[in-house]
Protein backbone atom coordinates (compact mmCIF):
# COMPACT_ATOMS: atom_id res chain seq x y z
CA MET A 1 -12.12 29.74 -4.14
CA THR A 2 -13.95 26.44 -4.10
CA SER A 3 -12.80 22.89 -3.67
CA ARG A 4 -14.25 19.81 -5.28
CA ILE A 5 -13.45 16.25 -4.23
CA LEU A 6 -12.73 13.99 -7.16
CA ALA A 7 -14.28 10.52 -7.15
CA ARG A 8 -11.61 7.80 -7.24
CA PRO A 9 -12.62 6.61 -10.75
CA GLU A 10 -11.86 10.17 -12.04
CA TRP A 11 -8.29 10.36 -10.74
CA HIS A 12 -6.41 8.69 -13.59
CA PHE A 13 -8.33 10.49 -16.35
CA PHE A 14 -8.12 13.87 -14.58
CA PHE A 15 -4.32 13.79 -14.30
CA GLU A 16 -3.94 12.39 -17.81
CA ARG A 17 -6.08 15.26 -19.16
CA MET A 18 -4.07 17.99 -17.46
CA ALA A 19 -0.57 16.50 -17.89
CA LYS A 20 0.54 18.71 -20.80
CA ALA A 21 -0.92 21.88 -19.32
CA LEU A 22 0.94 21.34 -16.02
CA ARG A 23 4.38 20.81 -17.56
CA GLY A 24 6.63 23.70 -16.55
CA LYS A 25 4.10 25.31 -14.18
CA ARG A 26 5.69 26.28 -10.87
CA ALA A 27 4.26 24.81 -7.69
CA GLN A 28 4.80 24.47 -3.97
CA VAL A 29 4.39 21.17 -2.10
CA GLU A 30 3.36 21.43 1.55
CA ILE A 31 2.78 18.48 3.86
CA THR A 32 0.76 18.80 7.06
CA GLY A 33 -0.21 16.30 9.72
CA LEU A 34 -0.43 15.88 13.49
CA ARG A 35 2.88 14.01 13.75
CA LEU A 36 4.62 16.03 11.02
CA GLY A 37 3.48 19.56 11.71
CA ASP A 38 3.61 21.80 8.64
CA GLN A 39 6.51 21.29 6.21
CA ILE A 40 7.29 22.85 2.84
CA GLN A 41 8.91 20.16 0.69
CA ALA A 42 9.32 22.29 -2.45
CA LYS A 43 8.78 25.96 -3.18
CA SER A 44 8.23 27.40 -6.69
CA VAL A 45 9.65 24.33 -8.46
CA PRO A 46 8.67 23.53 -12.08
CA LEU A 47 6.31 20.58 -12.48
CA VAL A 48 7.15 17.78 -14.88
CA GLY A 49 3.79 16.04 -14.36
CA ILE A 50 1.34 14.41 -12.01
CA THR A 51 0.14 10.85 -12.60
CA PHE A 52 -2.03 8.35 -10.76
CA ASP A 53 -1.38 4.63 -11.13
CA PRO A 54 -4.61 2.88 -10.09
CA LYS A 55 -2.99 -0.58 -10.11
CA GLY A 56 -0.24 0.45 -7.69
CA ASP A 57 -2.51 2.96 -5.87
CA LEU A 58 0.22 5.58 -6.24
CA LEU A 59 0.11 9.29 -7.03
CA GLU A 60 3.36 10.70 -8.38
CA ILE A 61 4.12 14.43 -8.43
CA ALA A 62 7.20 14.82 -10.60
CA MET A 63 9.03 18.12 -10.24
CA GLU A 64 12.43 19.31 -11.36
CA GLY A 65 14.83 17.62 -8.92
CA LEU A 66 12.03 16.03 -6.85
CA ASP A 67 9.81 12.98 -7.23
CA HIS A 68 7.08 13.21 -4.58
CA LEU A 69 5.22 9.90 -4.17
CA ILE A 70 1.95 9.47 -2.29
CA HIS A 71 1.11 5.83 -1.60
CA LYS A 72 -2.54 4.89 -1.17
CA PRO A 73 -4.15 8.34 -1.44
CA ALA A 74 -7.47 8.42 0.43
CA SER A 75 -8.93 11.53 -1.24
CA ILE A 76 -8.04 14.14 -3.83
CA ALA A 77 -9.62 17.58 -3.97
CA ILE A 78 -9.04 20.21 -6.62
CA LEU A 79 -8.97 23.87 -5.62
CA GLU A 80 -10.50 26.17 -8.22
CA GLY A 81 -10.96 29.92 -8.42
CA VAL A 82 -12.38 32.18 -11.11
CA ASP A 83 -9.03 32.03 -12.94
CA GLY A 84 -8.87 28.22 -13.01
CA LEU A 85 -7.15 25.44 -11.08
CA SER A 86 -5.03 26.84 -8.26
CA GLY A 87 -4.03 23.66 -6.47
CA LEU A 88 -4.68 20.16 -5.19
CA GLU A 89 -5.12 18.69 -1.75
CA ILE A 90 -4.36 15.01 -1.35
CA VAL A 91 -5.03 13.17 1.91
CA ASP A 92 -2.95 10.01 2.26
CA SER A 93 -3.70 6.81 4.17
CA ASP A 94 -2.00 8.26 7.30
CA GLN A 95 -4.29 11.34 7.12
CA HIS A 96 -1.40 13.63 6.13
CA ARG A 97 -2.43 16.43 3.79
CA GLN A 98 -0.26 17.03 0.74
CA ILE A 99 -1.09 20.47 -0.63
CA ILE A 100 0.15 21.38 -4.10
CA THR A 101 -0.28 25.09 -4.81
CA LEU A 102 0.33 26.46 -8.30
CA THR A 103 2.07 29.85 -8.41
CA SER A 104 -0.36 30.88 -11.17
CA PRO A 105 -3.81 29.36 -11.87
CA LEU A 106 -4.22 26.87 -14.70
CA ARG A 107 -7.18 27.17 -17.04
CA LEU A 108 -8.52 23.74 -17.91
CA SER A 109 -10.55 23.01 -21.01
CA ALA A 110 -13.79 21.09 -20.71
CA PRO A 111 -13.36 17.31 -20.84
CA ASP A 112 -14.00 15.65 -24.19
CA GLU A 113 -17.34 13.95 -24.48
């Protein structure tokens, strides 16, 4: 498995491109940090979508029954394996890691030119 850090200008387009493919995929949301420890916020919950609002500097992870908001994300990395996208790791402005793990990998098509 490899991880790739997305450049900030890519964030909005990346989440827009994968929005339809993510709908209904099951995911786990884990939050880790020195003050927080390691917490599972959601386990095997269907995703509704993930969006990034550059104007408000807000990443929204919408899941069935849960709206997880990350204000002022500092970095976003995508975790990829041979089968496709397996998760995301978002570091927020407080240096907390928000780890979204898909229960099954998501194959992404190449971006349109």
